[in-house]
């Protein structure tokens, strides 16, 4: 009963790669910006990552 026809317009399909590429580039740029802001904040606040205290370090204190 159902007569479904499947049609792909190749030209529109290939044009969609431009938009997909721009979207992926945008995600990459935002990720790099977030990483740079985190690094900058670490430098500005001059915070070192906290190291876990081991039993040997506690004896020296």
C-alpha atoms as a PDB file:
ATOM      1  CA  UNK A   1       0.000   0.000   0.000  1.00  0.00           C
ATOM      2  CA  UNK A   2       2.702   2.477   0.962  1.00  0.00           C
ATOM      3  CA  UNK A   3       4.763   3.647  -1.971  1.00  0.00           C
ATOM      4  CA  UNK A   4       7.759   5.443  -0.487  1.00  0.00           C
ATOM      5  CA  UNK A   5      10.368   6.825  -2.829  1.00  0.00           C
ATOM      6  CA  UNK A   6      13.827   7.618  -1.565  1.00  0.00           C
ATOM      7  CA  UNK A   7      15.692  10.343  -3.410  1.00  0.00           C
ATOM      8  CA  UNK A   8      19.011  11.998  -2.568  1.00  0.00           C
ATOM      9  CA  UNK A   9      19.937  15.234  -4.265  1.00  0.00           C
ATOM     10  CA  UNK A  10      23.701  14.807  -4.607  1.00  0.00           C
ATOM     11  CA  UNK A  11      24.358  18.532  -5.036  1.00  0.00           C
ATOM     12  CA  UNK A  12      22.561  19.421  -1.806  1.00  0.00           C
ATOM     13  CA  UNK A  13      24.207  16.507  -0.028  1.00  0.00           C
ATOM     14  CA  UNK A  14      27.672  17.747  -0.994  1.00  0.00           C
ATOM     15  CA  UNK A  15      26.759  21.342  -0.053  1.00  0.00           C
ATOM     16  CA  UNK A  16      25.824  20.155   3.438  1.00  0.00           C
ATOM     17  CA  UNK A  17      29.471  19.218   4.091  1.00  0.00           C
ATOM     18  CA  UNK A  18      30.335  22.922   4.146  1.00  0.00           C
ATOM     19  CA  UNK A  19      27.941  23.512   7.041  1.00  0.00           C
ATOM     20  CA  UNK A  20      29.106  20.390   8.834  1.00  0.00           C
ATOM     21  CA  UNK A  21      32.724  21.509   8.492  1.00  0.00           C
ATOM     22  CA  UNK A  22      31.924  24.962   9.851  1.00  0.00           C
ATOM     23  CA  UNK A  23      30.155  23.422  12.821  1.00  0.00           C
ATOM     24  CA  UNK A  24      33.077  21.134  13.594  1.00  0.00           C
ATOM     25  CA  UNK A  25      35.507  24.042  13.236  1.00  0.00           C
ATOM     26  CA  UNK A  26      33.382  26.072  15.646  1.00  0.00           C
ATOM     27  CA  UNK A  27      33.443  23.283  18.227  1.00  0.00           C
ATOM     28  CA  UNK A  28      37.224  22.997  17.871  1.00  0.00           C
ATOM     29  CA  UNK A  29      37.739  26.765  18.255  1.00  0.00           C
ATOM     30  CA  UNK A  30      35.523  26.952  21.357  1.00  0.00           C
ATOM     31  CA  UNK A  31      37.372  23.994  22.912  1.00  0.00           C
ATOM     32  CA  UNK A  32      40.754  25.659  22.317  1.00  0.00           C
ATOM     33  CA  UNK A  33      39.494  28.969  23.752  1.00  0.00           C
ATOM     34  CA  UNK A  34      38.243  27.213  26.904  1.00  0.00           C
ATOM     35  CA  UNK A  35      41.598  25.453  27.309  1.00  0.00           C
ATOM     36  CA  UNK A  36      43.497  28.731  26.911  1.00  0.00           C
ATOM     37  CA  UNK A  37      41.272  30.507  29.450  1.00  0.00           C
ATOM     38  CA  UNK A  38      41.874  27.714  31.969  1.00  0.00           C
ATOM     39  CA  UNK A  39      45.651  27.936  31.425  1.00  0.00           C
ATOM     40  CA  UNK A  40      45.537  31.731  31.724  1.00  0.00           C
ATOM     41  CA  UNK A  41      43.565  31.548  34.964  1.00  0.00           C
ATOM     42  CA  UNK A  42      46.077  29.053  36.374  1.00  0.00           C
ATOM     43  CA  UNK A  43      48.950  31.433  35.562  1.00  0.00           C
ATOM     44  CA  UNK A  44      47.181  34.546  36.859  1.00  0.00           C
ATOM     45  CA  UNK A  45      46.144  32.958  40.138  1.00  0.00           C
ATOM     46  CA  UNK A  46      49.536  31.223  40.435  1.00  0.00           C
ATOM     47  CA  UNK A  47      47.947  28.075  41.778  1.00  0.00           C
ATOM     48  CA  UNK A  48      49.804  24.821  41.735  1.00  0.00           C
ATOM     49  CA  UNK A  49      47.823  21.600  41.577  1.00  0.00           C
ATOM     50  CA  UNK A  50      47.452  20.108  45.025  1.00  0.00           C
ATOM     51  CA  UNK A  51      49.526  17.002  45.517  1.00  0.00           C
ATOM     52  CA  UNK A  52      48.231  14.135  47.579  1.00  0.00           C
ATOM     53  CA  UNK A  53      50.078  13.737  50.832  1.00  0.00           C
ATOM     54  CA  UNK A  54      51.797  10.429  51.144  1.00  0.00           C
ATOM     55  CA  UNK A  55      52.858   8.972  54.511  1.00  0.00           C
ATOM     56  CA  UNK A  56      56.512   9.823  53.702  1.00  0.00           C
ATOM     57  CA  UNK A  57      55.667  13.519  53.192  1.00  0.00           C
ATOM     58  CA  UNK A  58      53.818  13.713  56.496  1.00  0.00           C
ATOM     59  CA  UNK A  59      56.879  12.497  58.476  1.00  0.00           C
ATOM     60  CA  UNK A  60      59.043  15.284  57.034  1.00  0.00           C
ATOM     61  CA  UNK A  61      56.682  18.009  58.256  1.00  0.00           C
END
